[in-house]
C-alpha atoms as a PDB file:
ATOM      1  CA  UNK A   1       8.424   7.024  -0.931  1.00  0.00           C
ATOM      2  CA  UNK A   2       9.129  10.247   0.533  1.00  0.00           C
ATOM      3  CA  UNK A   3       7.813  11.600  -3.225  1.00  0.00           C
ATOM      4  CA  UNK A   4       4.798   9.270  -3.716  1.00  0.00           C
ATOM      5  CA  UNK A   5       3.439   9.869   0.713  1.00  0.00           C
ATOM      6  CA  UNK A   6       4.515  13.112   0.409  1.00  0.00           C
ATOM      7  CA  UNK A   7       1.835  14.218  -2.030  1.00  0.00           C
ATOM      8  CA  UNK A   8      -0.928  11.661  -0.354  1.00  0.00           C
ATOM      9  CA  UNK A   9      -0.308  13.607   2.834  1.00  0.00           C
ATOM     10  CA  UNK A  10      -0.761  16.768   1.513  1.00  0.00           C
ATOM     11  CA  UNK A  11      -4.300  16.212   0.300  1.00  0.00           C
ATOM     12  CA  UNK A  12      -6.102  16.940   3.327  1.00  0.00           C
ATOM     13  CA  UNK A  13      -9.206  14.772   1.605  1.00  0.00           C
ATOM     14  CA  UNK A  14      -7.488  11.459   2.671  1.00  0.00           C
ATOM     15  CA  UNK A  15      -6.894  10.049   5.539  1.00  0.00           C
ATOM     16  CA  UNK A  16      -3.419   8.373   7.773  1.00  0.00           C
ATOM     17  CA  UNK A  17      -4.361   5.556   6.681  1.00  0.00           C
ATOM     18  CA  UNK A  18      -6.009   5.725   3.226  1.00  0.00           C
ATOM     19  CA  UNK A  19      -2.801   7.502   2.343  1.00  0.00           C
ATOM     20  CA  UNK A  20      -0.226   5.138   3.469  1.00  0.00           C
ATOM     21  CA  UNK A  21      -2.594   2.708   2.016  1.00  0.00           C
ATOM     22  CA  UNK A  22      -2.212   3.885  -1.045  1.00  0.00           C
ATOM     23  CA  UNK A  23       0.846   4.685  -0.853  1.00  0.00           C
ATOM     24  CA  UNK A  24       1.841   1.177  -0.368  1.00  0.00           C
ATOM     25  CA  UNK A  25      -0.468  -0.059  -2.797  1.00  0.00           C
ATOM     26  CA  UNK A  26       1.573   2.239  -5.602  1.00  0.00           C
ATOM     27  CA  UNK A  27       5.273   0.588  -4.699  1.00  0.00           C
ATOM     28  CA  UNK A  28       4.445  -2.858  -4.262  1.00  0.00           C
ATOM     29  CA  UNK A  29       3.113  -2.608  -7.930  1.00  0.00           C
ATOM     30  CA  UNK A  30       5.356  -0.500  -8.986  1.00  0.00           C
ATOM     31  CA  UNK A  31       7.997  -4.099  -7.952  1.00  0.00           C
ATOM     32  CA  UNK A  32       5.166  -6.263  -9.516  1.00  0.00           C
ATOM     33  CA  UNK A  33       5.950  -4.052 -12.425  1.00  0.00           C
ATOM     34  CA  UNK A  34       9.589  -4.691 -12.272  1.00  0.00           C
ATOM     35  CA  UNK A  35       9.510  -8.414 -12.238  1.00  0.00           C
ATOM     36  CA  UNK A  36      11.957  -8.366  -9.483  1.00  0.00           C
ATOM     37  CA  UNK A  37      12.386 -10.297  -6.357  1.00  0.00           C
ATOM     38  CA  UNK A  38      15.306 -10.592  -5.869  1.00  0.00           C
ATOM     39  CA  UNK A  39      17.390  -9.910  -2.881  1.00  0.00           C
ATOM     40  CA  UNK A  40      18.051  -6.382  -4.329  1.00  0.00           C
ATOM     41  CA  UNK A  41      14.354  -5.392  -3.732  1.00  0.00           C
ATOM     42  CA  UNK A  42      14.593  -6.013  -0.521  1.00  0.00           C
ATOM     43  CA  UNK A  43      14.535  -2.728   1.435  1.00  0.00           C
ATOM     44  CA  UNK A  44      11.306  -1.796  -1.067  1.00  0.00           C
ATOM     45  CA  UNK A  45       9.684  -4.612  -0.210  1.00  0.00           C
ATOM     46  CA  UNK A  46      10.091  -3.962   3.940  1.00  0.00           C
ATOM     47  CA  UNK A  47       9.041  -0.093   2.652  1.00  0.00           C
ATOM     48  CA  UNK A  48       6.173  -1.679   1.737  1.00  0.00           C
ATOM     49  CA  UNK A  49       5.300  -3.704   4.295  1.00  0.00           C
ATOM     50  CA  UNK A  50       5.967  -0.610   6.674  1.00  0.00           C
ATOM     51  CA  UNK A  51       3.739   1.541   5.051  1.00  0.00           C
ATOM     52  CA  UNK A  52       0.682  -0.771   6.150  1.00  0.00           C
ATOM     53  CA  UNK A  53       1.423  -1.253   9.109  1.00  0.00           C
ATOM     54  CA  UNK A  54       1.172   2.560   9.588  1.00  0.00           C
ATOM     55  CA  UNK A  55      -1.753   2.449   7.770  1.00  0.00           C
ATOM     56  CA  UNK A  56      -3.259   0.132   9.776  1.00  0.00           C
ATOM     57  CA  UNK A  57      -1.775   1.693  13.307  1.00  0.00           C
ATOM     58  CA  UNK A  58      -4.160   4.378  11.587  1.00  0.00           C
ATOM     59  CA  UNK A  59      -6.870   2.627  11.131  1.00  0.00           C
ATOM     60  CA  UNK A  60      -6.695   0.982  15.127  1.00  0.00           C
ATOM     61  CA  UNK A  61      -7.863   4.657  15.637  1.00  0.00           C
ATOM     62  CA  UNK A  62     -11.479   3.705  14.545  1.00  0.00           C
ATOM     63  CA  UNK A  63     -12.043   0.155  15.342  1.00  0.00           C
ATOM     64  CA  UNK A  64     -14.870   0.071  13.935  1.00  0.00           C
ATOM     65  CA  UNK A  65     -13.806   0.258  10.483  1.00  0.00           C
ATOM     66  CA  UNK A  66     -10.994  -2.114  10.928  1.00  0.00           C
ATOM     67  CA  UNK A  67     -12.520  -5.055   9.381  1.00  0.00           C
ATOM     68  CA  UNK A  68     -13.380  -3.394   6.179  1.00  0.00           C
ATOM     69  CA  UNK A  69     -10.302  -1.724   6.052  1.00  0.00           C
ATOM     70  CA  UNK A  70      -8.628  -4.949   6.617  1.00  0.00           C
ATOM     71  CA  UNK A  71     -10.959  -6.702   3.645  1.00  0.00           C
ATOM     72  CA  UNK A  72     -10.990  -3.741   1.180  1.00  0.00           C
ATOM     73  CA  UNK A  73      -7.099  -3.558   1.367  1.00  0.00           C
ATOM     74  CA  UNK A  74      -6.528  -7.565   1.572  1.00  0.00           C
ATOM     75  CA  UNK A  75      -8.632  -7.313  -2.164  1.00  0.00           C
ATOM     76  CA  UNK A  76      -7.320  -4.430  -3.522  1.00  0.00           C
ATOM     77  CA  UNK A  77      -3.589  -5.865  -2.864  1.00  0.00           C
ATOM     78  CA  UNK A  78      -4.394  -9.091  -3.713  1.00  0.00           C
ATOM     79  CA  UNK A  79      -6.230  -7.551  -7.240  1.00  0.00           C
ATOM     80  CA  UNK A  80      -1.926  -6.156  -7.550  1.00  0.00           C
ATOM     81  CA  UNK A  81      -0.946  -9.959  -7.782  1.00  0.00           C
ATOM     82  CA  UNK A  82      -2.994 -10.910 -10.457  1.00  0.00           C
ATOM     83  CA  UNK A  83      -2.186 -11.335 -14.154  1.00  0.00           C
ATOM     84  CA  UNK A  84      -2.231  -8.846 -16.823  1.00  0.00           C
ATOM     85  CA  UNK A  85      -3.588 -10.238 -20.113  1.00  0.00           C
ATOM     86  CA  UNK A  86      -2.014  -8.636 -23.161  1.00  0.00           C
ATOM     87  CA  UNK A  87      -3.660  -8.755 -25.945  1.00  0.00           C
END
């Protein structure tokens, strides 16, 4: 988590919202790729949840963009759960 978030926070072109949300998406994608939703991954899922929470705490500093950011975040996270076609 520290490594993934650290590289994004070091990018000056990225806002705190973008960095936290991208980190959450990355971590969730890794968990979904493992195809493991057992109790042993509960802390990992809590970390994803925390990153999304932090992202929206940061986004709340600009309330005029909150609705658009929420819509984009929901779409990005939902896309991660879409089945991958294997040819």
